[in-house]
Amino acid sequence: MSVSRKESPERRLMSERERIVAESIEDAMRPYLGVLPEEALATMRDILEDTMATHPVALEALAALEARPLDDRSGTRVRENSRDEDDGTGGSEDAG
């Protein structure tokens, strides 16, 4: 069982919801890999998949995650109207 977050061709074809569910299950199961027998891991995965597909709270959370705008996700981005914006000169505006 692989828990790598590398982008596979299959993952690129997943919907946003499927990706969120798959990553959440991988994260939840990570502490148990190599500790529990394969049968227990398979049961755990089945329960998590079923819960995330049917539980009202999980469905509501998934819908909220799916609906959030791309710029609301974590990562590095440039702020508009920032006082610390680089003007391309490589120096501070106050330097002089």
PDB file of N, CA and C in Angstrom:
ATOM      1  N   MET A   1       0.848  -1.180   0.000  1.00  0.00           N
ATOM      2  CA  MET A   1       0.000   0.000   0.000  1.00  0.00           C
ATOM      3  C   MET A   1       0.887   1.234   0.000  1.00  0.00           C
ATOM      4  N   SER A   2       0.671   2.114  -0.947  1.00  0.00           N
ATOM      5  CA  SER A   2       1.498   3.301  -1.085  1.00  0.00           C
ATOM      6  C   SER A   2       0.773   4.509  -0.512  1.00  0.00           C
ATOM      7  N   VAL A   3       1.497   5.346   0.212  1.00  0.00           N
ATOM      8  CA  VAL A   3       0.920   6.576   0.745  1.00  0.00           C
ATOM      9  C   VAL A   3       1.655   7.784   0.207  1.00  0.00           C
ATOM     10  N   SER A   4       2.341   7.598  -0.904  1.00  0.00           N
ATOM     11  CA  SER A   4       3.092   8.686  -1.513  1.00  0.00           C
ATOM     12  C   SER A   4       2.141   9.739  -2.056  1.00  0.00           C
ATOM     13  N   ARG A   5       2.514  11.001  -1.924  1.00  0.00           N
ATOM     14  CA  ARG A   5       1.690  12.090  -2.450  1.00  0.00           C
ATOM     15  C   ARG A   5       2.133  12.501  -3.849  1.00  0.00           C
ATOM     16  N   LYS A   6       3.005  11.701  -4.475  1.00  0.00           N
ATOM     17  CA  LYS A   6       3.438  12.029  -5.825  1.00  0.00           C
ATOM     18  C   LYS A   6       2.234  11.992  -6.762  1.00  0.00           C
ATOM     19  N   GLU A   7       2.245  12.851  -7.728  1.00  0.00           N
ATOM     20  CA  GLU A   7       1.140  12.971  -8.679  1.00  0.00           C
ATOM     21  C   GLU A   7       1.208  11.831  -9.683  1.00  0.00           C
ATOM     22  N   SER A   8       0.275  10.911  -9.587  1.00  0.00           N
ATOM     23  CA  SER A   8       0.211   9.805 -10.533  1.00  0.00           C
ATOM     24  C   SER A   8      -0.795  10.151 -11.623  1.00  0.00           C
ATOM     25  N   PRO A   9      -0.736   9.469 -12.771  1.00  0.00           N
ATOM     26  CA  PRO A   9      -1.723   9.741 -13.822  1.00  0.00           C
ATOM     27  C   PRO A   9      -3.148   9.490 -13.345  1.00  0.00           C
ATOM     28  N   GLU A  10      -3.327   8.470 -12.486  1.00  0.00           N
ATOM     29  CA  GLU A  10      -4.663   8.188 -11.973  1.00  0.00           C
ATOM     30  C   GLU A  10      -5.170   9.333 -11.100  1.00  0.00           C
ATOM     31  N   ARG A  11      -4.275   9.905 -10.282  1.00  0.00           N
ATOM     32  CA  ARG A  11      -4.697  10.979  -9.392  1.00  0.00           C
ATOM     33  C   ARG A  11      -5.094  12.222 -10.181  1.00  0.00           C
ATOM     34  N   ARG A  12      -4.443  12.483 -11.313  1.00  0.00           N
ATOM     35  CA  ARG A  12      -4.788  13.651 -12.129  1.00  0.00           C
ATOM     36  C   ARG A  12      -6.199  13.533 -12.689  1.00  0.00           C
ATOM     37  N   LEU A  13      -6.684  12.304 -12.878  1.00  0.00           N
ATOM     38  CA  LEU A  13      -8.007  12.087 -13.442  1.00  0.00           C
ATOM     39  C   LEU A  13      -9.095  12.108 -12.371  1.00  0.00           C
ATOM     40  N   MET A  14      -8.731  12.129 -11.102  1.00  0.00           N
ATOM     41  CA  MET A  14      -9.711  12.128 -10.017  1.00  0.00           C
ATOM     42  C   MET A  14     -10.411  13.473  -9.924  1.00  0.00           C
ATOM     43  N   SER A  15     -11.638  13.418  -9.440  1.00  0.00           N
ATOM     44  CA  SER A  15     -12.335  14.659  -9.145  1.00  0.00           C
ATOM     45  C   SER A  15     -11.723  15.271  -7.890  1.00  0.00           C
ATOM     46  N   GLU A  16     -12.016  16.511  -7.635  1.00  0.00           N
ATOM     47  CA  GLU A  16     -11.506  17.183  -6.440  1.00  0.00           C
ATOM     48  C   GLU A  16     -11.964  16.430  -5.187  1.00  0.00           C
ATOM     49  N   ARG A  17     -13.212  16.011  -5.153  1.00  0.00           N
ATOM     50  CA  ARG A  17     -13.732  15.290  -3.986  1.00  0.00           C
ATOM     51  C   ARG A  17     -13.003  13.964  -3.793  1.00  0.00           C
ATOM     52  N   GLU A  18     -12.801  13.231  -4.872  1.00  0.00           N
ATOM     53  CA  GLU A  18     -12.098  11.946  -4.784  1.00  0.00           C
ATOM     54  C   GLU A  18     -10.667  12.147  -4.275  1.00  0.00           C
ATOM     55  N   ARG A  19     -10.032  13.215  -4.728  1.00  0.00           N
ATOM     56  CA  ARG A  19      -8.672  13.509  -4.284  1.00  0.00           C
ATOM     57  C   ARG A  19      -8.645  13.825  -2.795  1.00  0.00           C
ATOM     58  N   ILE A  20      -9.570  14.635  -2.330  1.00  0.00           N
ATOM     59  CA  ILE A  20      -9.642  14.996  -0.918  1.00  0.00           C
ATOM     60  C   ILE A  20      -9.882  13.749  -0.067  1.00  0.00           C
ATOM     61  N   VAL A  21     -10.821  12.900  -0.500  1.00  0.00           N
ATOM     62  CA  VAL A  21     -11.125  11.679   0.244  1.00  0.00           C
ATOM     63  C   VAL A  21      -9.908  10.770   0.283  1.00  0.00           C
ATOM     64  N   ALA A  22      -9.260  10.552  -0.862  1.00  0.00           N
ATOM     65  CA  ALA A  22      -8.099   9.654  -0.920  1.00  0.00           C
ATOM     66  C   ALA A  22      -6.969  10.168  -0.031  1.00  0.00           C
ATOM     67  N   GLU A  23      -6.681  11.457  -0.069  1.00  0.00           N
ATOM     68  CA  GLU A  23      -5.606  12.014   0.760  1.00  0.00           C
ATOM     69  C   GLU A  23      -5.957  11.953   2.240  1.00  0.00           C
ATOM     70  N   SER A  24      -7.223  12.192   2.571  1.00  0.00           N
ATOM     71  CA  SER A  24      -7.647  12.132   3.969  1.00  0.00           C
ATOM     72  C   SER A  24      -7.509  10.718   4.520  1.00  0.00           C
ATOM     73  N   ILE A  25      -7.896   9.740   3.719  1.00  0.00           N
ATOM     74  CA  ILE A  25      -7.789   8.350   4.154  1.00  0.00           C
ATOM     75  C   ILE A  25      -6.319   7.951   4.293  1.00  0.00           C
ATOM     76  N   GLU A  26      -5.496   8.361   3.348  1.00  0.00           N
ATOM     77  CA  GLU A  26      -4.056   8.066   3.449  1.00  0.00           C
ATOM     78  C   GLU A  26      -3.476   8.656   4.726  1.00  0.00           C
ATOM     79  N   ASP A  27      -3.830   9.898   5.031  1.00  0.00           N
ATOM     80  CA  ASP A  27      -3.326  10.551   6.243  1.00  0.00           C
ATOM     81  C   ASP A  27      -3.808   9.831   7.501  1.00  0.00           C
ATOM     82  N   ALA A  28      -5.080   9.427   7.514  1.00  0.00           N
ATOM     83  CA  ALA A  28      -5.641   8.761   8.686  1.00  0.00           C
ATOM     84  C   ALA A  28      -5.010   7.389   8.910  1.00  0.00           C
ATOM     85  N   MET A  29      -4.662   6.707   7.841  1.00  0.00           N
ATOM     86  CA  MET A  29      -4.139   5.350   7.949  1.00  0.00           C
ATOM     87  C   MET A  29      -2.629   5.292   8.165  1.00  0.00           C
ATOM     88  N   ARG A  30      -1.933   6.363   7.855  1.00  0.00           N
ATOM     89  CA  ARG A  30      -0.463   6.366   7.904  1.00  0.00           C
ATOM     90  C   ARG A  30       0.103   5.821   9.223  1.00  0.00           C
ATOM     91  N   PRO A  31      -0.428   6.204  10.404  1.00  0.00           N
ATOM     92  CA  PRO A  31       0.162   5.689  11.648  1.00  0.00           C
ATOM     93  C   PRO A  31       0.011   4.172  11.832  1.00  0.00           C
ATOM     94  N   TYR A  32      -0.899   3.563  11.089  1.00  0.00           N
ATOM     95  CA  TYR A  32      -1.183   2.147  11.267  1.00  0.00           C
ATOM     96  C   TYR A  32      -0.491   1.251  10.247  1.00  0.00           C
ATOM     97  N   LEU A  33       0.109   1.843   9.229  1.00  0.00           N
ATOM     98  CA  LEU A  33       0.806   1.055   8.218  1.00  0.00           C
ATOM     99  C   LEU A  33       2.009   0.367   8.851  1.00  0.00           C
ATOM    100  N   GLY A  34       2.153  -0.902   8.588  1.00  0.00           N
ATOM    101  CA  GLY A  34       3.242  -1.666   9.158  1.00  0.00           C
ATOM    102  C   GLY A  34       3.002  -2.091  10.589  1.00  0.00           C
ATOM    103  N   VAL A  35       1.896  -1.649  11.182  1.00  0.00           N
ATOM    104  CA  VAL A  35       1.560  -2.010  12.557  1.00  0.00           C
ATOM    105  C   VAL A  35       0.401  -3.004  12.551  1.00  0.00           C
ATOM    106  N   LEU A  36      -0.648  -2.665  11.802  1.00  0.00           N
ATOM    107  CA  LEU A  36      -1.817  -3.541  11.712  1.00  0.00           C
ATOM    108  C   LEU A  36      -1.653  -4.516  10.559  1.00  0.00           C
ATOM    109  N   PRO A  37      -2.277  -5.694  10.672  1.00  0.00           N
ATOM    110  CA  PRO A  37      -2.244  -6.640   9.549  1.00  0.00           C
ATOM    111  C   PRO A  37      -3.036  -6.091   8.361  1.00  0.00           C
ATOM    112  N   GLU A  38      -2.729  -6.591   7.176  1.00  0.00           N
ATOM    113  CA  GLU A  38      -3.377  -6.115   5.945  1.00  0.00           C
ATOM    114  C   GLU A  38      -4.906  -6.202   6.009  1.00  0.00           C
ATOM    115  N   GLU A  39      -5.426  -7.257   6.642  1.00  0.00           N
ATOM    116  CA  GLU A  39      -6.888  -7.407   6.743  1.00  0.00           C
ATOM    117  C   GLU A  39      -7.491  -6.256   7.542  1.00  0.00           C
ATOM    118  N   ALA A  40      -6.828  -5.871   8.615  1.00  0.00           N
ATOM    119  CA  ALA A  40      -7.315  -4.769   9.444  1.00  0.00           C
ATOM    120  C   ALA A  40      -7.232  -3.449   8.686  1.00  0.00           C
ATOM    121  N   LEU A  41      -6.155  -3.256   7.942  1.00  0.00           N
ATOM    122  CA  LEU A  41      -6.012  -2.034   7.136  1.00  0.00           C
ATOM    123  C   LEU A  41      -7.099  -1.953   6.072  1.00  0.00           C
ATOM    124  N   ALA A  42      -7.411  -3.083   5.446  1.00  0.00           N
ATOM    125  CA  ALA A  42      -8.465  -3.103   4.422  1.00  0.00           C
ATOM    126  C   ALA A  42      -9.818  -2.767   5.039  1.00  0.00           C
ATOM    127  N   THR A  43     -10.085  -3.312   6.233  1.00  0.00           N
ATOM    128  CA  THR A  43     -11.350  -3.007   6.924  1.00  0.00           C
ATOM    129  C   THR A  43     -11.402  -1.538   7.302  1.00  0.00           C
ATOM    130  N   MET A  44     -10.297  -1.025   7.807  1.00  0.00           N
ATOM    131  CA  MET A  44     -10.222   0.392   8.186  1.00  0.00           C
ATOM    132  C   MET A  44     -10.496   1.287   6.978  1.00  0.00           C
ATOM    133  N   ARG A  45      -9.864   0.959   5.854  1.00  0.00           N
ATOM    134  CA  ARG A  45     -10.071   1.736   4.632  1.00  0.00           C
ATOM    135  C   ARG A  45     -11.538   1.692   4.201  1.00  0.00           C
ATOM    136  N   ASP A  46     -12.147   0.510   4.238  1.00  0.00           N
ATOM    137  CA  ASP A  46     -13.559   0.364   3.858  1.00  0.00           C
ATOM    138  C   ASP A  46     -14.463   1.222   4.737  1.00  0.00           C
ATOM    139  N   ILE A  47     -14.205   1.199   6.045  1.00  0.00           N
ATOM    140  CA  ILE A  47     -15.022   1.987   6.971  1.00  0.00           C
ATOM    141  C   ILE A  47     -14.855   3.478   6.698  1.00  0.00           C
ATOM    142  N   LEU A  48     -13.623   3.925   6.508  1.00  0.00           N
ATOM    143  CA  LEU A  48     -13.377   5.344   6.238  1.00  0.00           C
ATOM    144  C   LEU A  48     -14.025   5.781   4.919  1.00  0.00           C
ATOM    145  N   GLU A  49     -13.886   4.966   3.880  1.00  0.00           N
ATOM    146  CA  GLU A  49     -14.493   5.303   2.590  1.00  0.00           C
ATOM    147  C   GLU A  49     -16.013   5.383   2.711  1.00  0.00           C
ATOM    148  N   ASP A  50     -16.609   4.411   3.405  1.00  0.00           N
ATOM    149  CA  ASP A  50     -18.063   4.401   3.575  1.00  0.00           C
ATOM    150  C   ASP A  50     -18.531   5.621   4.369  1.00  0.00           C
ATOM    151  N   THR A  51     -17.812   5.918   5.442  1.00  0.00           N
ATOM    152  CA  THR A  51     -18.181   7.060   6.279  1.00  0.00           C
ATOM    153  C   THR A  51     -18.090   8.369   5.504  1.00  0.00           C
ATOM    154  N   MET A  52     -17.015   8.542   4.748  1.00  0.00           N
ATOM    155  CA  MET A  52     -16.846   9.796   4.008  1.00  0.00           C
ATOM    156  C   MET A  52     -17.835   9.919   2.855  1.00  0.00           C
ATOM    157  N   ALA A  53     -18.384   8.806   2.402  1.00  0.00           N
ATOM    158  CA  ALA A  53     -19.342   8.839   1.299  1.00  0.00           C
ATOM    159  C   ALA A  53     -20.786   8.956   1.770  1.00  0.00           C
ATOM    160  N   THR A  54     -21.045   8.684   3.070  1.00  0.00           N
ATOM    161  CA  THR A  54     -22.442   8.638   3.517  1.00  0.00           C
ATOM    162  C   THR A  54     -22.758   9.503   4.732  1.00  0.00           C
ATOM    163  N   HIS A  55     -21.794   9.807   5.574  1.00  0.00           N
ATOM    164  CA  HIS A  55     -22.093  10.553   6.801  1.00  0.00           C
ATOM    165  C   HIS A  55     -22.388  12.009   6.464  1.00  0.00           C
ATOM    166  N   PRO A  56     -23.501  12.537   6.995  1.00  0.00           N
ATOM    167  CA  PRO A  56     -23.893  13.919   6.651  1.00  0.00           C
ATOM    168  C   PRO A  56     -22.838  14.970   6.984  1.00  0.00           C
ATOM    169  N   VAL A  57     -22.147  14.826   8.099  1.00  0.00           N
ATOM    170  CA  VAL A  57     -21.128  15.808   8.474  1.00  0.00           C
ATOM    171  C   VAL A  57     -19.947  15.732   7.506  1.00  0.00           C
ATOM    172  N   ALA A  58     -19.545  14.510   7.157  1.00  0.00           N
ATOM    173  CA  ALA A  58     -18.440  14.351   6.203  1.00  0.00           C
ATOM    174  C   ALA A  58     -18.823  14.917   4.843  1.00  0.00           C
ATOM    175  N   LEU A  59     -20.041  14.659   4.401  1.00  0.00           N
ATOM    176  CA  LEU A  59     -20.490  15.169   3.103  1.00  0.00           C
ATOM    177  C   LEU A  59     -20.521  16.695   3.085  1.00  0.00           C
ATOM    178  N   GLU A  60     -20.954  17.285   4.197  1.00  0.00           N
ATOM    179  CA  GLU A  60     -20.990  18.752   4.294  1.00  0.00           C
ATOM    180  C   GLU A  60     -19.572  19.330   4.256  1.00  0.00           C
ATOM    181  N   ALA A  61     -18.653  18.696   4.981  1.00  0.00           N
ATOM    182  CA  ALA A  61     -17.265  19.163   4.996  1.00  0.00           C
ATOM    183  C   ALA A  61     -16.624  19.010   3.624  1.00  0.00           C
ATOM    184  N   LEU A  62     -16.883  17.900   2.956  1.00  0.00           N
ATOM    185  CA  LEU A  62     -16.328  17.698   1.616  1.00  0.00           C
ATOM    186  C   LEU A  62     -16.871  18.730   0.635  1.00  0.00           C
ATOM    187  N   ALA A  63     -18.154  19.031   0.731  1.00  0.00           N
ATOM    188  CA  ALA A  63     -18.751  20.039  -0.155  1.00  0.00           C
ATOM    189  C   ALA A  63     -18.109  21.401   0.081  1.00  0.00           C
ATOM    190  N   ALA A  64     -17.846  21.731   1.344  1.00  0.00           N
ATOM    191  CA  ALA A  64     -17.207  23.019   1.656  1.00  0.00           C
ATOM    192  C   ALA A  64     -15.776  23.059   1.120  1.00  0.00           C
ATOM    193  N   LEU A  65     -15.042  21.965   1.267  1.00  0.00           N
ATOM    194  CA  LEU A  65     -13.673  21.920   0.750  1.00  0.00           C
ATOM    195  C   LEU A  65     -13.652  22.007  -0.767  1.00  0.00           C
ATOM    196  N   GLU A  66     -14.592  21.334  -1.384  1.00  0.00           N
ATOM    197  CA  GLU A  66     -14.667  21.330  -2.842  1.00  0.00           C
ATOM    198  C   GLU A  66     -15.023  22.709  -3.394  1.00  0.00           C
ATOM    199  N   ALA A  67     -15.837  23.437  -2.656  1.00  0.00           N
ATOM    200  CA  ALA A  67     -16.345  24.723  -3.139  1.00  0.00           C
ATOM    201  C   ALA A  67     -15.387  25.880  -2.901  1.00  0.00           C
ATOM    202  N   ARG A  68     -14.393  25.700  -2.042  1.00  0.00           N
ATOM    203  CA  ARG A  68     -13.516  26.828  -1.735  1.00  0.00           C
ATOM    204  C   ARG A  68     -12.736  27.243  -2.986  1.00  0.00           C
ATOM    205  N   PRO A  69     -12.533  28.538  -3.147  1.00  0.00           N
ATOM    206  CA  PRO A  69     -11.800  29.014  -4.322  1.00  0.00           C
ATOM    207  C   PRO A  69     -10.345  28.587  -4.284  1.00  0.00           C
ATOM    208  N   LEU A  70      -9.732  28.475  -5.441  1.00  0.00           N
ATOM    209  CA  LEU A  70      -8.339  28.052  -5.531  1.00  0.00           C
ATOM    210  C   LEU A  70      -7.419  28.932  -4.712  1.00  0.00           C
ATOM    211  N   ASP A  71      -7.663  30.240  -4.653  1.00  0.00           N
ATOM    212  CA  ASP A  71      -6.767  31.134  -3.925  1.00  0.00           C
ATOM    213  C   ASP A  71      -6.958  31.029  -2.413  1.00  0.00           C
ATOM    214  N   ASP A  72      -7.922  30.205  -1.956  1.00  0.00           N
ATOM    215  CA  ASP A  72      -8.143  30.011  -0.533  1.00  0.00           C
ATOM    216  C   ASP A  72      -7.356  28.817  -0.012  1.00  0.00           C
ATOM    217  N   ARG A  73      -6.641  28.138  -0.887  1.00  0.00           N
ATOM    218  CA  ARG A  73      -5.895  26.949  -0.497  1.00  0.00           C
ATOM    219  C   ARG A  73      -4.493  27.336  -0.065  1.00  0.00           C
ATOM    220  N   SER A  74      -3.872  26.469   0.695  1.00  0.00           N
ATOM    221  CA  SER A  74      -2.548  26.786   1.221  1.00  0.00           C
ATOM    222  C   SER A  74      -1.518  26.857   0.105  1.00  0.00           C
ATOM    223  N   GLY A  75      -0.467  27.591   0.367  1.00  0.00           N
ATOM    224  CA  GLY A  75       0.603  27.726  -0.606  1.00  0.00           C
ATOM    225  C   GLY A  75       1.111  29.149  -0.647  1.00  0.00           C
ATOM    226  N   THR A  76       2.178  29.356  -1.375  1.00  0.00           N
ATOM    227  CA  THR A  76       2.785  30.676  -1.493  1.00  0.00           C
ATOM    228  C   THR A  76       2.104  31.455  -2.601  1.00  0.00           C
ATOM    229  N   ARG A  77       1.796  32.690  -2.338  1.00  0.00           N
ATOM    230  CA  ARG A  77       1.206  33.556  -3.358  1.00  0.00           C
ATOM    231  C   ARG A  77       1.568  35.006  -3.046  1.00  0.00           C
ATOM    232  N   VAL A  78       1.456  35.851  -4.038  1.00  0.00           N
ATOM    233  CA  VAL A  78       1.790  37.263  -3.896  1.00  0.00           C
ATOM    234  C   VAL A  78       0.545  38.013  -3.465  1.00  0.00           C
ATOM    235  N   ARG A  79       0.707  38.854  -2.465  1.00  0.00           N
ATOM    236  CA  ARG A  79      -0.415  39.672  -2.008  1.00  0.00           C
ATOM    237  C   ARG A  79      -0.516  40.928  -2.863  1.00  0.00           C
ATOM    238  N   GLU A  80      -1.736  41.320  -3.156  1.00  0.00           N
ATOM    239  CA  GLU A  80      -1.940  42.569  -3.878  1.00  0.00           C
ATOM    240  C   GLU A  80      -1.843  43.727  -2.887  1.00  0.00           C
ATOM    241  N   ASN A  81      -1.347  44.869  -3.341  1.00  0.00           N
ATOM    242  CA  ASN A  81      -1.233  46.089  -2.539  1.00  0.00           C
ATOM    243  C   ASN A  81      -0.412  45.899  -1.288  1.00  0.00           C
ATOM    244  N   SER A  82       0.569  45.023  -1.340  1.00  0.00           N
ATOM    245  CA  SER A  82       1.437  44.805  -0.186  1.00  0.00           C
ATOM    246  C   SER A  82       2.481  45.916  -0.119  1.00  0.00           C
ATOM    247  N   ARG A  83       2.762  46.392   1.067  1.00  0.00           N
ATOM    248  CA  ARG A  83       3.778  47.438   1.235  1.00  0.00           C
ATOM    249  C   ARG A  83       5.163  46.901   0.950  1.00  0.00           C
ATOM    250  N   ASP A  84       5.336  45.573   1.050  1.00  0.00           N
ATOM    251  CA  ASP A  84       6.652  44.974   0.851  1.00  0.00           C
ATOM    252  C   ASP A  84       6.836  44.448  -0.564  1.00  0.00           C
ATOM    253  N   GLU A  85       5.994  44.872  -1.496  1.00  0.00           N
ATOM    254  CA  GLU A  85       6.122  44.384  -2.864  1.00  0.00           C
ATOM    255  C   GLU A  85       7.470  44.776  -3.441  1.00  0.00           C
ATOM    256  N   ASP A  86       8.057  43.863  -4.173  1.00  0.00           N
ATOM    257  CA  ASP A  86       9.334  44.115  -4.822  1.00  0.00           C
ATOM    258  C   ASP A  86       9.058  44.909  -6.096  1.00  0.00           C
ATOM    259  N   ASP A  87       9.679  46.068  -6.228  1.00  0.00           N
ATOM    260  CA  ASP A  87       9.457  46.893  -7.425  1.00  0.00           C
ATOM    261  C   ASP A  87      10.392  46.505  -8.560  1.00  0.00           C
ATOM    262  N   GLY A  88      11.145  45.420  -8.363  1.00  0.00           N
ATOM    263  CA  GLY A  88      12.031  44.957  -9.420  1.00  0.00           C
ATOM    264  C   GLY A  88      13.411  45.566  -9.371  1.00  0.00           C
ATOM    265  N   THR A  89      13.644  46.515  -8.471  1.00  0.00           N
ATOM    266  CA  THR A  89      14.953  47.169  -8.401  1.00  0.00           C
ATOM    267  C   THR A  89      15.903  46.437  -7.481  1.00  0.00           C
ATOM    268  N   GLY A  90      15.363  45.493  -6.693  1.00  0.00           N
ATOM    269  CA  GLY A  90      16.206  44.715  -5.792  1.00  0.00           C
ATOM    270  C   GLY A  90      16.483  45.408  -4.493  1.00  0.00           C
ATOM    271  N   GLY A  91      15.920  46.558  -4.239  1.00  0.00           N
ATOM    272  CA  GLY A  91      16.167  47.291  -2.986  1.00  0.00           C
ATOM    273  C   GLY A  91      14.888  47.766  -2.371  1.00  0.00           C
ATOM    274  N   SER A  92      14.980  48.325  -1.204  1.00  0.00           N
ATOM    275  CA  SER A  92      13.844  48.842  -0.495  1.00  0.00           C
ATOM    276  C   SER A  92      13.530  50.253  -0.989  1.00  0.00           C
ATOM    277  N   GLU A  93      12.251  50.606  -0.929  1.00  0.00           N
ATOM    278  CA  GLU A  93      11.850  51.949  -1.355  1.00  0.00           C
ATOM    279  C   GLU A  93      12.432  53.006  -0.435  1.00  0.00           C
ATOM    280  N   ASP A  94      12.664  52.630   0.843  1.00  0.00           N
ATOM    281  CA  ASP A  94      13.166  53.587   1.813  1.00  0.00           C
ATOM    282  C   ASP A  94      14.677  53.790   1.713  1.00  0.00           C
ATOM    283  N   ALA A  95      15.356  52.845   1.050  1.00  0.00           N
ATOM    284  CA  ALA A  95      16.812  52.953   0.958  1.00  0.00           C
ATOM    285  C   ALA A  95      17.166  54.137   0.074  1.00  0.00           C
ATOM    286  N   GLY A  96      18.137  54.783   0.449  1.00  0.00           N
ATOM    287  CA  GLY A  96      18.423  55.890  -0.422  1.00  0.00           C
ATOM    288  C   GLY A  96      19.661  56.535  -0.108  1.00  0.00           C
TER     289      GLY A  96
END
